[in-house]
Amino acid sequence: MVGVVAAACVRPAARAPATASTQQPPELTAWEREAKAILSDALETLRTFEVFTAFRVAAAGQSDRRAANELAWDPPGFRAWDEATHVARGLHGRSEQLLQSIATRQLDASQWREQRDWAQWAHDLLDVGDALDAFRMRVAYLPTGSDGTAAWEVLDRAWARFDAAAANWGVSRAELIGCGVTS
């Protein structure tokens, strides 16, 4: 009986981690790098669109969305706006190229599940590109002098698409804050 009790109180030996029977394809690094570059461009575009939205609210003659103590916002700079609209127009195409690269690559048969996941994640980037372009097109039809709130829902959808796609690739919209230490 003492042996049974003693055996029950001893932790079992940890199992050795399972080794993968196949290695990750070398293309995965390139695919991941391209996906993260797409997401980085999308994030900068979304931030520029946010500045534009804040500017429209602050500059409007009347807005129910502006607080009495609202600070004035400058519009996005010409280069930032030009780059954001360029990214919004082209992100779908870049994402399509990534998706095609993943979907047409013949990998080891044991990696079909991973390849399917990568392809789905790349497909989600198409949605990000479409959402950014939808905002760009919506902004083009805002009436002069309006606060731009008619485009907020479209921008919110773009952020939601970004967050969903970014989570798959391990990207967030958080910014690192440096403490003045350089390495």
C-alpha atoms as a PDB file:
ATOM      1  CA  MET A   1       0.000   0.000   0.000  1.00  0.00           C
ATOM      2  CA  VAL A   2       2.837   2.381   0.820  1.00  0.00           C
ATOM      3  CA  GLY A   3       4.240   1.691  -2.672  1.00  0.00           C
ATOM      4  CA  VAL A   4       0.921   2.576  -4.326  1.00  0.00           C
ATOM      5  CA  VAL A   5       0.678   5.833  -2.402  1.00  0.00           C
ATOM      6  CA  ALA A   6       4.293   6.700  -3.146  1.00  0.00           C
ATOM      7  CA  ALA A   7       3.800   5.962  -6.846  1.00  0.00           C
ATOM      8  CA  ALA A   8       0.726   8.165  -6.931  1.00  0.00           C
ATOM      9  CA  CYS A   9       2.685  11.101  -5.528  1.00  0.00           C
ATOM     10  CA  VAL A  10       5.550  10.890  -7.980  1.00  0.00           C
ATOM     11  CA  ARG A  11       5.325  12.907 -11.146  1.00  0.00           C
ATOM     12  CA  PRO A  12       5.592  10.839 -14.283  1.00  0.00           C
ATOM     13  CA  ALA A  13       8.619  11.442 -16.453  1.00  0.00           C
ATOM     14  CA  ALA A  14       8.035  14.060 -19.111  1.00  0.00           C
ATOM     15  CA  ARG A  15       7.595  12.669 -22.585  1.00  0.00           C
ATOM     16  CA  ALA A  16      10.104  13.654 -25.166  1.00  0.00           C
ATOM     17  CA  PRO A  17       8.663  16.198 -27.567  1.00  0.00           C
ATOM     18  CA  ALA A  18       7.440  14.701 -30.781  1.00  0.00           C
ATOM     19  CA  THR A  19       9.763  15.373 -33.647  1.00  0.00           C
ATOM     20  CA  ALA A  20       8.286  16.552 -36.871  1.00  0.00           C
ATOM     21  CA  SER A  21       8.512  13.892 -39.535  1.00  0.00           C
ATOM     22  CA  THR A  22       9.006  16.542 -42.164  1.00  0.00           C
ATOM     23  CA  GLN A  23      10.727  19.883 -42.179  1.00  0.00           C
ATOM     24  CA  GLN A  24       9.012  23.146 -42.949  1.00  0.00           C
ATOM     25  CA  PRO A  25       9.414  24.098 -46.588  1.00  0.00           C
ATOM     26  CA  PRO A  26      12.073  26.750 -47.240  1.00  0.00           C
ATOM     27  CA  GLU A  27       9.389  28.781 -49.005  1.00  0.00           C
ATOM     28  CA  LEU A  28       7.572  29.261 -45.694  1.00  0.00           C
ATOM     29  CA  THR A  29      10.144  31.841 -44.609  1.00  0.00           C
ATOM     30  CA  ALA A  30       9.662  33.803 -47.817  1.00  0.00           C
ATOM     31  CA  TRP A  31       5.872  33.494 -47.603  1.00  0.00           C
ATOM     32  CA  GLU A  32       5.861  34.641 -43.998  1.00  0.00           C
ATOM     33  CA  ARG A  33       8.180  37.555 -44.778  1.00  0.00           C
ATOM     34  CA  GLU A  34       5.916  38.675 -47.659  1.00  0.00           C
ATOM     35  CA  ALA A  35       2.751  38.305 -45.552  1.00  0.00           C
ATOM     36  CA  LYS A  36       4.290  40.387 -42.780  1.00  0.00           C
ATOM     37  CA  ALA A  37       5.387  43.029 -45.308  1.00  0.00           C
ATOM     38  CA  ILE A  38       1.824  43.158 -46.649  1.00  0.00           C
ATOM     39  CA  LEU A  39       0.487  43.530 -43.122  1.00  0.00           C
ATOM     40  CA  SER A  40       3.046  46.223 -42.296  1.00  0.00           C
ATOM     41  CA  ASP A  41       1.993  48.229 -45.342  1.00  0.00           C
ATOM     42  CA  ALA A  42      -1.662  47.708 -44.454  1.00  0.00           C
ATOM     43  CA  LEU A  43      -1.058  48.915 -40.898  1.00  0.00           C
ATOM     44  CA  GLU A  44       0.659  52.096 -42.068  1.00  0.00           C
ATOM     45  CA  THR A  45      -2.194  52.677 -44.506  1.00  0.00           C
ATOM     46  CA  LEU A  46      -4.782  52.211 -41.772  1.00  0.00           C
ATOM     47  CA  ARG A  47      -2.945  54.657 -39.528  1.00  0.00           C
ATOM     48  CA  THR A  48      -2.869  57.220 -42.328  1.00  0.00           C
ATOM     49  CA  PHE A  49      -6.594  56.691 -42.898  1.00  0.00           C
ATOM     50  CA  GLU A  50      -7.177  57.202 -39.155  1.00  0.00           C
ATOM     51  CA  VAL A  51      -5.327  60.540 -39.294  1.00  0.00           C
ATOM     52  CA  PHE A  52      -7.444  61.530 -42.287  1.00  0.00           C
ATOM     53  CA  THR A  53     -10.623  60.616 -40.396  1.00  0.00           C
ATOM     54  CA  ALA A  54      -9.569  62.616 -37.334  1.00  0.00           C
ATOM     55  CA  PHE A  55      -8.711  65.573 -39.566  1.00  0.00           C
ATOM     56  CA  ARG A  56     -12.135  65.459 -41.270  1.00  0.00           C
ATOM     57  CA  VAL A  57     -13.941  65.501 -37.929  1.00  0.00           C
ATOM     58  CA  ALA A  58     -11.796  68.344 -36.572  1.00  0.00           C
ATOM     59  CA  ALA A  59     -12.063  70.429 -39.760  1.00  0.00           C
ATOM     60  CA  ALA A  60     -15.814  70.019 -40.321  1.00  0.00           C
ATOM     61  CA  GLY A  61     -17.995  73.068 -39.808  1.00  0.00           C
ATOM     62  CA  GLN A  62     -20.421  70.988 -37.780  1.00  0.00           C
ATOM     63  CA  SER A  63     -20.020  67.508 -36.394  1.00  0.00           C
ATOM     64  CA  ASP A  64     -21.859  65.549 -33.766  1.00  0.00           C
ATOM     65  CA  ARG A  65     -18.682  63.505 -33.376  1.00  0.00           C
ATOM     66  CA  ARG A  66     -16.437  66.402 -32.361  1.00  0.00           C
ATOM     67  CA  ALA A  67     -16.060  67.140 -28.672  1.00  0.00           C
ATOM     68  CA  ALA A  68     -16.000  70.732 -27.454  1.00  0.00           C
ATOM     69  CA  ASN A  69     -12.344  70.375 -26.468  1.00  0.00           C
ATOM     70  CA  GLU A  70     -11.323  68.508 -29.628  1.00  0.00           C
ATOM     71  CA  LEU A  71      -7.797  69.217 -30.762  1.00  0.00           C
ATOM     72  CA  ALA A  72      -7.140  70.281 -34.314  1.00  0.00           C
ATOM     73  CA  TRP A  73      -5.630  67.640 -36.563  1.00  0.00           C
ATOM     74  CA  ASP A  74      -3.466  68.210 -39.580  1.00  0.00           C
ATOM     75  CA  PRO A  75      -4.313  66.194 -42.666  1.00  0.00           C
ATOM     76  CA  PRO A  76      -1.964  63.346 -43.552  1.00  0.00           C
ATOM     77  CA  GLY A  77       1.057  64.559 -45.470  1.00  0.00           C
ATOM     78  CA  PHE A  78       0.984  64.284 -49.259  1.00  0.00           C
ATOM     79  CA  ARG A  79       3.543  61.466 -49.317  1.00  0.00           C
ATOM     80  CA  ALA A  80       1.758  59.516 -46.589  1.00  0.00           C
ATOM     81  CA  TRP A  81      -1.600  59.903 -48.344  1.00  0.00           C
ATOM     82  CA  ASP A  82      -0.129  59.014 -51.728  1.00  0.00           C
ATOM     83  CA  GLU A  83       1.522  55.903 -50.277  1.00  0.00           C
ATOM     84  CA  ALA A  84      -1.661  54.888 -48.413  1.00  0.00           C
ATOM     85  CA  THR A  85      -3.812  55.151 -51.522  1.00  0.00           C
ATOM     86  CA  HIS A  86      -1.158  53.322 -53.546  1.00  0.00           C
ATOM     87  CA  VAL A  87      -1.125  50.478 -50.999  1.00  0.00           C
ATOM     88  CA  ALA A  88      -4.925  50.408 -50.873  1.00  0.00           C
ATOM     89  CA  ARG A  89      -5.056  50.003 -54.659  1.00  0.00           C
ATOM     90  CA  GLY A  90      -2.332  47.357 -54.853  1.00  0.00           C
ATOM     91  CA  LEU A  91      -2.633  45.230 -51.732  1.00  0.00           C
ATOM     92  CA  HIS A  92      -5.152  42.856 -53.266  1.00  0.00           C
ATOM     93  CA  GLY A  93      -2.758  42.081 -56.124  1.00  0.00           C
ATOM     94  CA  ARG A  94       0.192  41.474 -53.804  1.00  0.00           C
ATOM     95  CA  SER A  95      -1.945  39.198 -51.667  1.00  0.00           C
ATOM     96  CA  GLU A  96      -3.143  37.352 -54.763  1.00  0.00           C
ATOM     97  CA  GLN A  97       0.459  36.692 -55.791  1.00  0.00           C
ATOM     98  CA  LEU A  98       1.259  35.312 -52.338  1.00  0.00           C
ATOM     99  CA  LEU A  99      -1.838  33.113 -52.387  1.00  0.00           C
ATOM    100  CA  GLN A 100      -0.955  31.752 -55.829  1.00  0.00           C
ATOM    101  CA  SER A 101       2.602  31.051 -54.715  1.00  0.00           C
ATOM    102  CA  ILE A 102       1.368  29.054 -51.734  1.00  0.00           C
ATOM    103  CA  ALA A 103      -1.475  27.281 -53.506  1.00  0.00           C
ATOM    104  CA  THR A 104       0.523  26.141 -56.527  1.00  0.00           C
ATOM    105  CA  ARG A 105       3.638  24.938 -54.692  1.00  0.00           C
ATOM    106  CA  GLN A 106       3.869  21.151 -54.518  1.00  0.00           C
ATOM    107  CA  LEU A 107       4.884  20.265 -50.965  1.00  0.00           C
ATOM    108  CA  ASP A 108       5.324  16.973 -49.223  1.00  0.00           C
ATOM    109  CA  ALA A 109       1.958  15.228 -48.885  1.00  0.00           C
ATOM    110  CA  SER A 110       2.274  15.255 -45.093  1.00  0.00           C
ATOM    111  CA  GLN A 111       2.140  19.076 -45.122  1.00  0.00           C
ATOM    112  CA  TRP A 112      -1.172  19.505 -46.892  1.00  0.00           C
ATOM    113  CA  ARG A 113      -2.913  20.766 -43.753  1.00  0.00           C
ATOM    114  CA  GLU A 114      -0.272  23.414 -43.122  1.00  0.00           C
ATOM    115  CA  GLN A 115      -0.324  24.438 -46.771  1.00  0.00           C
ATOM    116  CA  ARG A 116      -4.106  24.760 -46.622  1.00  0.00           C
ATOM    117  CA  ASP A 117      -3.790  26.978 -43.524  1.00  0.00           C
ATOM    118  CA  TRP A 118      -1.143  29.183 -45.161  1.00  0.00           C
ATOM    119  CA  ALA A 119      -3.305  29.523 -48.248  1.00  0.00           C
ATOM    120  CA  GLN A 120      -6.314  30.496 -46.110  1.00  0.00           C
ATOM    121  CA  TRP A 121      -4.239  33.068 -44.258  1.00  0.00           C
ATOM    122  CA  ALA A 122      -3.007  34.492 -47.556  1.00  0.00           C
ATOM    123  CA  HIS A 123      -6.619  34.576 -48.769  1.00  0.00           C
ATOM    124  CA  ASP A 124      -7.516  36.601 -45.676  1.00  0.00           C
ATOM    125  CA  LEU A 125      -4.961  39.185 -46.828  1.00  0.00           C
ATOM    126  CA  LEU A 126      -7.085  39.635 -49.964  1.00  0.00           C
ATOM    127  CA  ASP A 127      -9.909  40.746 -47.675  1.00  0.00           C
ATOM    128  CA  VAL A 128      -7.617  43.295 -46.016  1.00  0.00           C
ATOM    129  CA  GLY A 129      -6.692  44.721 -49.405  1.00  0.00           C
ATOM    130  CA  ASP A 130     -10.329  44.880 -50.480  1.00  0.00           C
ATOM    131  CA  ALA A 131     -11.322  46.617 -47.236  1.00  0.00           C
ATOM    132  CA  LEU A 132      -8.575  49.235 -47.614  1.00  0.00           C
ATOM    133  CA  ASP A 133      -9.573  49.928 -51.186  1.00  0.00           C
ATOM    134  CA  ALA A 134     -13.239  50.173 -50.161  1.00  0.00           C
ATOM    135  CA  PHE A 135     -12.322  52.918 -47.682  1.00  0.00           C
ATOM    136  CA  ARG A 136     -10.220  54.716 -50.296  1.00  0.00           C
ATOM    137  CA  MET A 137     -13.136  54.670 -52.719  1.00  0.00           C
ATOM    138  CA  ARG A 138     -15.652  55.731 -50.035  1.00  0.00           C
ATOM    139  CA  VAL A 139     -13.515  58.724 -49.095  1.00  0.00           C
ATOM    140  CA  ALA A 140     -13.457  59.845 -52.721  1.00  0.00           C
ATOM    141  CA  TYR A 141     -17.227  60.411 -52.531  1.00  0.00           C
ATOM    142  CA  LEU A 142     -17.393  62.272 -49.208  1.00  0.00           C
ATOM    143  CA  PRO A 143     -19.044  65.666 -49.558  1.00  0.00           C
ATOM    144  CA  THR A 144     -16.720  68.633 -49.167  1.00  0.00           C
ATOM    145  CA  GLY A 145     -16.821  69.990 -45.627  1.00  0.00           C
ATOM    146  CA  SER A 146     -18.467  66.888 -44.109  1.00  0.00           C
ATOM    147  CA  ASP A 147     -16.991  65.298 -41.027  1.00  0.00           C
ATOM    148  CA  GLY A 148     -16.413  62.011 -42.878  1.00  0.00           C
ATOM    149  CA  THR A 149     -18.346  59.862 -40.447  1.00  0.00           C
ATOM    150  CA  ALA A 150     -20.078  58.186 -43.389  1.00  0.00           C
ATOM    151  CA  ALA A 151     -16.792  56.352 -43.998  1.00  0.00           C
ATOM    152  CA  TRP A 152     -16.152  55.250 -40.419  1.00  0.00           C
ATOM    153  CA  GLU A 153     -18.002  51.959 -40.755  1.00  0.00           C
ATOM    154  CA  VAL A 154     -15.871  51.081 -43.782  1.00  0.00           C
ATOM    155  CA  LEU A 155     -12.705  51.935 -41.844  1.00  0.00           C
ATOM    156  CA  ASP A 156     -13.864  49.857 -38.875  1.00  0.00           C
ATOM    157  CA  ARG A 157     -14.353  46.872 -41.217  1.00  0.00           C
ATOM    158  CA  ALA A 158     -10.844  47.378 -42.579  1.00  0.00           C
ATOM    159  CA  TRP A 159      -9.413  47.339 -39.054  1.00  0.00           C
ATOM    160  CA  ALA A 160     -11.374  44.179 -38.236  1.00  0.00           C
ATOM    161  CA  ARG A 161     -10.071  42.455 -41.379  1.00  0.00           C
ATOM    162  CA  PHE A 162      -6.538  43.552 -40.517  1.00  0.00           C
ATOM    163  CA  ASP A 163      -6.766  42.264 -36.941  1.00  0.00           C
ATOM    164  CA  ALA A 164      -8.118  38.892 -38.073  1.00  0.00           C
ATOM    165  CA  ALA A 165      -5.470  38.417 -40.769  1.00  0.00           C
ATOM    166  CA  ALA A 166      -2.626  39.735 -38.616  1.00  0.00           C
ATOM    167  CA  ALA A 167      -3.376  37.280 -35.817  1.00  0.00           C
ATOM    168  CA  ASN A 168      -2.769  34.375 -38.199  1.00  0.00           C
ATOM    169  CA  TRP A 169       0.718  35.616 -39.049  1.00  0.00           C
ATOM    170  CA  GLY A 170       1.613  36.638 -35.471  1.00  0.00           C
ATOM    171  CA  VAL A 171       1.419  40.379 -36.124  1.00  0.00           C
ATOM    172  CA  SER A 172      -0.279  42.990 -33.945  1.00  0.00           C
ATOM    173  CA  ARG A 173      -0.878  46.681 -34.254  1.00  0.00           C
ATOM    174  CA  ALA A 174       1.009  47.393 -31.031  1.00  0.00           C
ATOM    175  CA  GLU A 175       3.952  49.702 -31.323  1.00  0.00           C
ATOM    176  CA  LEU A 176       7.215  49.133 -29.505  1.00  0.00           C
ATOM    177  CA  ILE A 177       8.263  52.096 -27.418  1.00  0.00           C
ATOM    178  CA  GLY A 178      11.978  52.559 -27.139  1.00  0.00           C
ATOM    179  CA  CYS A 179      13.570  53.763 -23.936  1.00  0.00           C
ATOM    180  CA  GLY A 180      16.445  55.592 -25.572  1.00  0.00           C
ATOM    181  CA  VAL A 181      18.682  52.531 -25.377  1.00  0.00           C
ATOM    182  CA  THR A 182      20.328  51.528 -28.595  1.00  0.00           C
ATOM    183  CA  SER A 183      22.101  48.286 -29.151  1.00  0.00           C
END
